[in-house]
Amino acid sequence: MSEWILAPESSNIIRYSYEETNQILTVEFNSGSRYDYYDVPTHIFEGMKTADSKGKYLNSNVKGHYRYARQ
């Protein structure tokens, strides 16, 4: 797994990371739950890094579009 990126400005997400080789986006939420999203293209991860709202970006561009599993 790559290094965690902290999201202190987010009210819902604590941190996230991306494994480019396997295209896995991992997101840890304030609730303590952690999810892996599979087959996420690099451009989606790059978009999340620059998004003003990480939670809104995740909801619009990741959830419902990619397979996921709770860790």
PDB file of N, CA and C in Angstrom:
ATOM      1  N   MET A   1       0.853  -1.184   0.000  1.00  0.00           N
ATOM      2  CA  MET A   1       0.000   0.000   0.000  1.00  0.00           C
ATOM      3  C   MET A   1       0.890   1.234   0.000  1.00  0.00           C
ATOM      4  N   SER A   2       0.444   2.233  -0.690  1.00  0.00           N
ATOM      5  CA  SER A   2       1.196   3.481  -0.704  1.00  0.00           C
ATOM      6  C   SER A   2       0.939   4.249   0.590  1.00  0.00           C
ATOM      7  N   GLU A   3       1.578   5.380   0.722  1.00  0.00           N
ATOM      8  CA  GLU A   3       1.425   6.173   1.939  1.00  0.00           C
ATOM      9  C   GLU A   3       0.027   6.753   2.053  1.00  0.00           C
ATOM     10  N   TRP A   4      -0.403   6.922   3.296  1.00  0.00           N
ATOM     11  CA  TRP A   4      -1.706   7.527   3.566  1.00  0.00           C
ATOM     12  C   TRP A   4      -1.659   9.017   3.282  1.00  0.00           C
ATOM     13  N   ILE A   5      -2.749   9.532   2.767  1.00  0.00           N
ATOM     14  CA  ILE A   5      -2.936  10.967   2.583  1.00  0.00           C
ATOM     15  C   ILE A   5      -3.998  11.389   3.583  1.00  0.00           C
ATOM     16  N   LEU A   6      -3.652  12.286   4.481  1.00  0.00           N
ATOM     17  CA  LEU A   6      -4.601  12.748   5.483  1.00  0.00           C
ATOM     18  C   LEU A   6      -5.592  13.720   4.862  1.00  0.00           C
ATOM     19  N   ALA A   7      -6.808  13.713   5.397  1.00  0.00           N
ATOM     20  CA  ALA A   7      -7.862  14.601   4.888  1.00  0.00           C
ATOM     21  C   ALA A   7      -8.477  15.381   6.051  1.00  0.00           C
ATOM     22  N   PRO A   8      -7.681  16.247   6.700  1.00  0.00           N
ATOM     23  CA  PRO A   8      -8.181  16.961   7.880  1.00  0.00           C
ATOM     24  C   PRO A   8      -9.341  17.906   7.585  1.00  0.00           C
ATOM     25  N   GLU A   9      -9.476  18.327   6.315  1.00  0.00           N
ATOM     26  CA  GLU A   9     -10.558  19.239   5.958  1.00  0.00           C
ATOM     27  C   GLU A   9     -11.889  18.505   5.768  1.00  0.00           C
ATOM     28  N   SER A  10     -11.843  17.180   5.741  1.00  0.00           N
ATOM     29  CA  SER A  10     -13.050  16.395   5.501  1.00  0.00           C
ATOM     30  C   SER A  10     -13.778  16.092   6.809  1.00  0.00           C
ATOM     31  N   SER A  11     -15.090  16.183   6.767  1.00  0.00           N
ATOM     32  CA  SER A  11     -15.882  15.854   7.957  1.00  0.00           C
ATOM     33  C   SER A  11     -16.212  14.372   8.011  1.00  0.00           C
ATOM     34  N   ASN A  12     -15.908  13.626   6.939  1.00  0.00           N
ATOM     35  CA  ASN A  12     -16.281  12.223   6.864  1.00  0.00           C
ATOM     36  C   ASN A  12     -15.096  11.277   6.683  1.00  0.00           C
ATOM     37  N   ILE A  13     -14.033  11.759   6.047  1.00  0.00           N
ATOM     38  CA  ILE A  13     -12.892  10.914   5.708  1.00  0.00           C
ATOM     39  C   ILE A  13     -11.669  11.331   6.531  1.00  0.00           C
ATOM     40  N   ILE A  14     -11.032  10.349   7.173  1.00  0.00           N
ATOM     41  CA  ILE A  14      -9.807  10.626   7.935  1.00  0.00           C
ATOM     42  C   ILE A  14      -8.597  10.636   7.000  1.00  0.00           C
ATOM     43  N   ARG A  15      -8.501   9.572   6.180  1.00  0.00           N
ATOM     44  CA  ARG A  15      -7.344   9.437   5.302  1.00  0.00           C
ATOM     45  C   ARG A  15      -7.673   8.451   4.176  1.00  0.00           C
ATOM     46  N   TYR A  16      -6.814   8.448   3.169  1.00  0.00           N
ATOM     47  CA  TYR A  16      -6.989   7.543   2.050  1.00  0.00           C
ATOM     48  C   TYR A  16      -5.634   7.257   1.416  1.00  0.00           C
ATOM     49  N   SER A  17      -5.567   6.167   0.662  1.00  0.00           N
ATOM     50  CA  SER A  17      -4.340   5.826  -0.046  1.00  0.00           C
ATOM     51  C   SER A  17      -4.698   5.116  -1.342  1.00  0.00           C
ATOM     52  N   TYR A  18      -3.715   4.998  -2.211  1.00  0.00           N
ATOM     53  CA  TYR A  18      -3.949   4.396  -3.518  1.00  0.00           C
ATOM     54  C   TYR A  18      -2.780   3.506  -3.882  1.00  0.00           C
ATOM     55  N   GLU A  19      -3.091   2.298  -4.267  1.00  0.00           N
ATOM     56  CA  GLU A  19      -2.078   1.360  -4.746  1.00  0.00           C
ATOM     57  C   GLU A  19      -2.202   1.297  -6.263  1.00  0.00           C
ATOM     58  N   GLU A  20      -1.292   1.949  -6.939  1.00  0.00           N
ATOM     59  CA  GLU A  20      -1.404   2.116  -8.388  1.00  0.00           C
ATOM     60  C   GLU A  20      -1.295   0.797  -9.138  1.00  0.00           C
ATOM     61  N   THR A  21      -0.430  -0.101  -8.700  1.00  0.00           N
ATOM     62  CA  THR A  21      -0.229  -1.372  -9.398  1.00  0.00           C
ATOM     63  C   THR A  21      -1.524  -2.163  -9.516  1.00  0.00           C
ATOM     64  N   ASN A  22      -2.278  -2.246  -8.414  1.00  0.00           N
ATOM     65  CA  ASN A  22      -3.528  -3.010  -8.390  1.00  0.00           C
ATOM     66  C   ASN A  22      -4.769  -2.129  -8.502  1.00  0.00           C
ATOM     67  N   GLN A  23      -4.563  -0.830  -8.588  1.00  0.00           N
ATOM     68  CA  GLN A  23      -5.651   0.155  -8.708  1.00  0.00           C
ATOM     69  C   GLN A  23      -6.663   0.026  -7.570  1.00  0.00           C
ATOM     70  N   ILE A  24      -6.132   0.022  -6.347  1.00  0.00           N
ATOM     71  CA  ILE A  24      -6.996  -0.072  -5.162  1.00  0.00           C
ATOM     72  C   ILE A  24      -6.938   1.241  -4.391  1.00  0.00           C
ATOM     73  N   LEU A  25      -8.094   1.868  -4.238  1.00  0.00           N
ATOM     74  CA  LEU A  25      -8.240   3.066  -3.419  1.00  0.00           C
ATOM     75  C   LEU A  25      -8.767   2.619  -2.066  1.00  0.00           C
ATOM     76  N   THR A  26      -8.040   2.926  -1.002  1.00  0.00           N
ATOM     77  CA  THR A  26      -8.464   2.587   0.351  1.00  0.00           C
ATOM     78  C   THR A  26      -8.845   3.873   1.063  1.00  0.00           C
ATOM     79  N   VAL A  27     -10.026   3.874   1.691  1.00  0.00           N
ATOM     80  CA  VAL A  27     -10.530   5.057   2.373  1.00  0.00           C
ATOM     81  C   VAL A  27     -10.892   4.677   3.801  1.00  0.00           C
ATOM     82  N   GLU A  28     -10.393   5.470   4.753  1.00  0.00           N
ATOM     83  CA  GLU A  28     -10.742   5.287   6.162  1.00  0.00           C
ATOM     84  C   GLU A  28     -11.630   6.449   6.596  1.00  0.00           C
ATOM     85  N   PHE A  29     -12.781   6.091   7.166  1.00  0.00           N
ATOM     86  CA  PHE A  29     -13.780   7.085   7.553  1.00  0.00           C
ATOM     87  C   PHE A  29     -13.694   7.411   9.036  1.00  0.00           C
ATOM     88  N   ASN A  30     -14.286   8.534   9.422  1.00  0.00           N
ATOM     89  CA  ASN A  30     -14.308   8.956  10.823  1.00  0.00           C
ATOM     90  C   ASN A  30     -14.949   7.918  11.729  1.00  0.00           C
ATOM     91  N   SER A  31     -15.849   7.113  11.177  1.00  0.00           N
ATOM     92  CA  SER A  31     -16.526   6.082  11.952  1.00  0.00           C
ATOM     93  C   SER A  31     -15.584   4.947  12.334  1.00  0.00           C
ATOM     94  N   GLY A  32     -14.388   4.927  11.706  1.00  0.00           N
ATOM     95  CA  GLY A  32     -13.428   3.865  11.965  1.00  0.00           C
ATOM     96  C   GLY A  32     -13.467   2.780  10.904  1.00  0.00           C
ATOM     97  N   SER A  33     -14.475   2.794  10.052  1.00  0.00           N
ATOM     98  CA  SER A  33     -14.550   1.786   8.993  1.00  0.00           C
ATOM     99  C   SER A  33     -13.568   2.132   7.875  1.00  0.00           C
ATOM    100  N   ARG A  34     -13.118   1.079   7.208  1.00  0.00           N
ATOM    101  CA  ARG A  34     -12.156   1.238   6.119  1.00  0.00           C
ATOM    102  C   ARG A  34     -12.633   0.401   4.935  1.00  0.00           C
ATOM    103  N   TYR A  35     -12.612   1.006   3.767  1.00  0.00           N
ATOM    104  CA  TYR A  35     -13.071   0.327   2.557  1.00  0.00           C
ATOM    105  C   TYR A  35     -12.001   0.342   1.486  1.00  0.00           C
ATOM    106  N   ASP A  36     -11.912  -0.765   0.750  1.00  0.00           N
ATOM    107  CA  ASP A  36     -11.088  -0.846  -0.445  1.00  0.00           C
ATOM    108  C   ASP A  36     -12.010  -0.761  -1.654  1.00  0.00           C
ATOM    109  N   TYR A  37     -11.680   0.100  -2.598  1.00  0.00           N
ATOM    110  CA  TYR A  37     -12.404   0.216  -3.860  1.00  0.00           C
ATOM    111  C   TYR A  37     -11.467  -0.287  -4.949  1.00  0.00           C
ATOM    112  N   TYR A  38     -11.959  -1.224  -5.763  1.00  0.00           N
ATOM    113  CA  TYR A  38     -11.113  -1.932  -6.726  1.00  0.00           C
ATOM    114  C   TYR A  38     -11.259  -1.399  -8.146  1.00  0.00           C
ATOM    115  N   ASP A  39     -10.149  -1.534  -8.901  1.00  0.00           N
ATOM    116  CA  ASP A  39     -10.098  -1.139 -10.316  1.00  0.00           C
ATOM    117  C   ASP A  39     -10.371   0.352 -10.518  1.00  0.00           C
ATOM    118  N   VAL A  40      -9.921   1.152  -9.570  1.00  0.00           N
ATOM    119  CA  VAL A  40     -10.091   2.608  -9.659  1.00  0.00           C
ATOM    120  C   VAL A  40      -8.935   3.181 -10.488  1.00  0.00           C
ATOM    121  N   PRO A  41      -9.238   3.805 -11.614  1.00  0.00           N
ATOM    122  CA  PRO A  41      -8.166   4.363 -12.456  1.00  0.00           C
ATOM    123  C   PRO A  41      -7.398   5.481 -11.738  1.00  0.00           C
ATOM    124  N   THR A  42      -6.169   5.650 -12.147  1.00  0.00           N
ATOM    125  CA  THR A  42      -5.310   6.662 -11.544  1.00  0.00           C
ATOM    126  C   THR A  42      -5.924   8.057 -11.632  1.00  0.00           C
ATOM    127  N   HIS A  43      -6.596   8.378 -12.740  1.00  0.00           N
ATOM    128  CA  HIS A  43      -7.152   9.730 -12.885  1.00  0.00           C
ATOM    129  C   HIS A  43      -8.262  10.001 -11.856  1.00  0.00           C
ATOM    130  N   ILE A  44      -8.951   8.969 -11.415  1.00  0.00           N
ATOM    131  CA  ILE A  44      -9.971   9.146 -10.372  1.00  0.00           C
ATOM    132  C   ILE A  44      -9.280   9.469  -9.039  1.00  0.00           C
ATOM    133  N   PHE A  45      -8.214   8.747  -8.729  1.00  0.00           N
ATOM    134  CA  PHE A  45      -7.438   9.029  -7.515  1.00  0.00           C
ATOM    135  C   PHE A  45      -6.865  10.449  -7.560  1.00  0.00           C
ATOM    136  N   GLU A  46      -6.319  10.839  -8.693  1.00  0.00           N
ATOM    137  CA  GLU A  46      -5.757  12.190  -8.832  1.00  0.00           C
ATOM    138  C   GLU A  46      -6.848  13.240  -8.633  1.00  0.00           C
ATOM    139  N   GLY A  47      -8.040  12.964  -9.136  1.00  0.00           N
ATOM    140  CA  GLY A  47      -9.160  13.874  -8.949  1.00  0.00           C
ATOM    141  C   GLY A  47      -9.543  14.011  -7.488  1.00  0.00           C
ATOM    142  N   MET A  48      -9.470  12.911  -6.759  1.00  0.00           N
ATOM    143  CA  MET A  48      -9.802  12.964  -5.327  1.00  0.00           C
ATOM    144  C   MET A  48      -8.786  13.816  -4.574  1.00  0.00           C
ATOM    145  N   LYS A  49      -7.517  13.692  -4.947  1.00  0.00           N
ATOM    146  CA  LYS A  49      -6.473  14.472  -4.275  1.00  0.00           C
ATOM    147  C   LYS A  49      -6.706  15.970  -4.422  1.00  0.00           C
ATOM    148  N   THR A  50      -7.245  16.392  -5.557  1.00  0.00           N
ATOM    149  CA  THR A  50      -7.423  17.824  -5.804  1.00  0.00           C
ATOM    150  C   THR A  50      -8.835  18.328  -5.500  1.00  0.00           C
ATOM    151  N   ALA A  51      -9.737  17.417  -5.159  1.00  0.00           N
ATOM    152  CA  ALA A  51     -11.131  17.809  -4.900  1.00  0.00           C
ATOM    153  C   ALA A  51     -11.241  18.666  -3.637  1.00  0.00           C
ATOM    154  N   ASP A  52     -12.081  19.693  -3.708  1.00  0.00           N
ATOM    155  CA  ASP A  52     -12.329  20.531  -2.535  1.00  0.00           C
ATOM    156  C   ASP A  52     -13.003  19.728  -1.430  1.00  0.00           C
ATOM    157  N   SER A  53     -13.928  18.852  -1.804  1.00  0.00           N
ATOM    158  CA  SER A  53     -14.619  18.007  -0.832  1.00  0.00           C
ATOM    159  C   SER A  53     -14.337  16.546  -1.170  1.00  0.00           C
ATOM    160  N   LYS A  54     -13.542  15.888  -0.340  1.00  0.00           N
ATOM    161  CA  LYS A  54     -13.195  14.482  -0.575  1.00  0.00           C
ATOM    162  C   LYS A  54     -14.438  13.600  -0.512  1.00  0.00           C
ATOM    163  N   GLY A  55     -15.319  13.864   0.441  1.00  0.00           N
ATOM    164  CA  GLY A  55     -16.529  13.063   0.599  1.00  0.00           C
ATOM    165  C   GLY A  55     -17.458  13.183  -0.590  1.00  0.00           C
ATOM    166  N   LYS A  56     -17.672  14.401  -1.076  1.00  0.00           N
ATOM    167  CA  LYS A  56     -18.541  14.603  -2.244  1.00  0.00           C
ATOM    168  C   LYS A  56     -17.937  13.940  -3.480  1.00  0.00           C
ATOM    169  N   TYR A  57     -16.626  14.070  -3.622  1.00  0.00           N
ATOM    170  CA  TYR A  57     -15.955  13.454  -4.766  1.00  0.00           C
ATOM    171  C   TYR A  57     -16.105  11.938  -4.702  1.00  0.00           C
ATOM    172  N   LEU A  58     -15.879  11.362  -3.523  1.00  0.00           N
ATOM    173  CA  LEU A  58     -16.016   9.917  -3.345  1.00  0.00           C
ATOM    174  C   LEU A  58     -17.432   9.472  -3.692  1.00  0.00           C
ATOM    175  N   ASN A  59     -18.423  10.186  -3.188  1.00  0.00           N
ATOM    176  CA  ASN A  59     -19.823   9.831  -3.445  1.00  0.00           C
ATOM    177  C   ASN A  59     -20.177   9.926  -4.927  1.00  0.00           C
ATOM    178  N   SER A  60     -19.651  10.919  -5.616  1.00  0.00           N
ATOM    179  CA  SER A  60     -20.006  11.147  -7.017  1.00  0.00           C
ATOM    180  C   SER A  60     -19.210  10.297  -8.001  1.00  0.00           C
ATOM    181  N   ASN A  61     -17.958  10.003  -7.664  1.00  0.00           N
ATOM    182  CA  ASN A  61     -17.064   9.393  -8.650  1.00  0.00           C
ATOM    183  C   ASN A  61     -16.565   7.996  -8.320  1.00  0.00           C
ATOM    184  N   VAL A  62     -16.783   7.540  -7.095  1.00  0.00           N
ATOM    185  CA  VAL A  62     -16.259   6.227  -6.707  1.00  0.00           C
ATOM    186  C   VAL A  62     -17.380   5.288  -6.260  1.00  0.00           C
ATOM    187  N   LYS A  63     -18.139   5.701  -5.257  1.00  0.00           N
ATOM    188  CA  LYS A  63     -19.224   4.852  -4.757  1.00  0.00           C
ATOM    189  C   LYS A  63     -20.234   4.572  -5.863  1.00  0.00           C
ATOM    190  N   GLY A  64     -20.587   3.313  -5.999  1.00  0.00           N
ATOM    191  CA  GLY A  64     -21.549   2.926  -7.030  1.00  0.00           C
ATOM    192  C   GLY A  64     -20.936   2.709  -8.400  1.00  0.00           C
ATOM    193  N   HIS A  65     -19.641   3.047  -8.531  1.00  0.00           N
ATOM    194  CA  HIS A  65     -18.962   2.880  -9.821  1.00  0.00           C
ATOM    195  C   HIS A  65     -17.937   1.750  -9.789  1.00  0.00           C
ATOM    196  N   TYR A  66     -17.423   1.441  -8.605  1.00  0.00           N
ATOM    197  CA  TYR A  66     -16.353   0.455  -8.486  1.00  0.00           C
ATOM    198  C   TYR A  66     -16.700  -0.565  -7.406  1.00  0.00           C
ATOM    199  N   ARG A  67     -16.220  -1.788  -7.603  1.00  0.00           N
ATOM    200  CA  ARG A  67     -16.407  -2.835  -6.587  1.00  0.00           C
ATOM    201  C   ARG A  67     -15.703  -2.396  -5.308  1.00  0.00           C
ATOM    202  N   TYR A  68     -16.202  -2.851  -4.182  1.00  0.00           N
ATOM    203  CA  TYR A  68     -15.594  -2.485  -2.905  1.00  0.00           C
ATOM    204  C   TYR A  68     -15.756  -3.603  -1.898  1.00  0.00           C
ATOM    205  N   ALA A  69     -14.948  -3.523  -0.852  1.00  0.00           N
ATOM    206  CA  ALA A  69     -15.051  -4.466   0.270  1.00  0.00           C
ATOM    207  C   ALA A  69     -14.652  -3.725   1.524  1.00  0.00           C
ATOM    208  N   ARG A  70     -15.393  -4.003   2.598  1.00  0.00           N
ATOM    209  CA  ARG A  70     -15.041  -3.413   3.884  1.00  0.00           C
ATOM    210  C   ARG A  70     -13.912  -4.239   4.480  1.00  0.00           C
ATOM    211  N   GLN A  71     -12.913  -3.569   5.017  1.00  0.00           N
ATOM    212  CA  GLN A  71     -11.779  -4.280   5.628  1.00  0.00           C
ATOM    213  C   GLN A  71     -12.124  -4.712   7.029  1.00  0.00           C
TER     214      GLN A  71
END
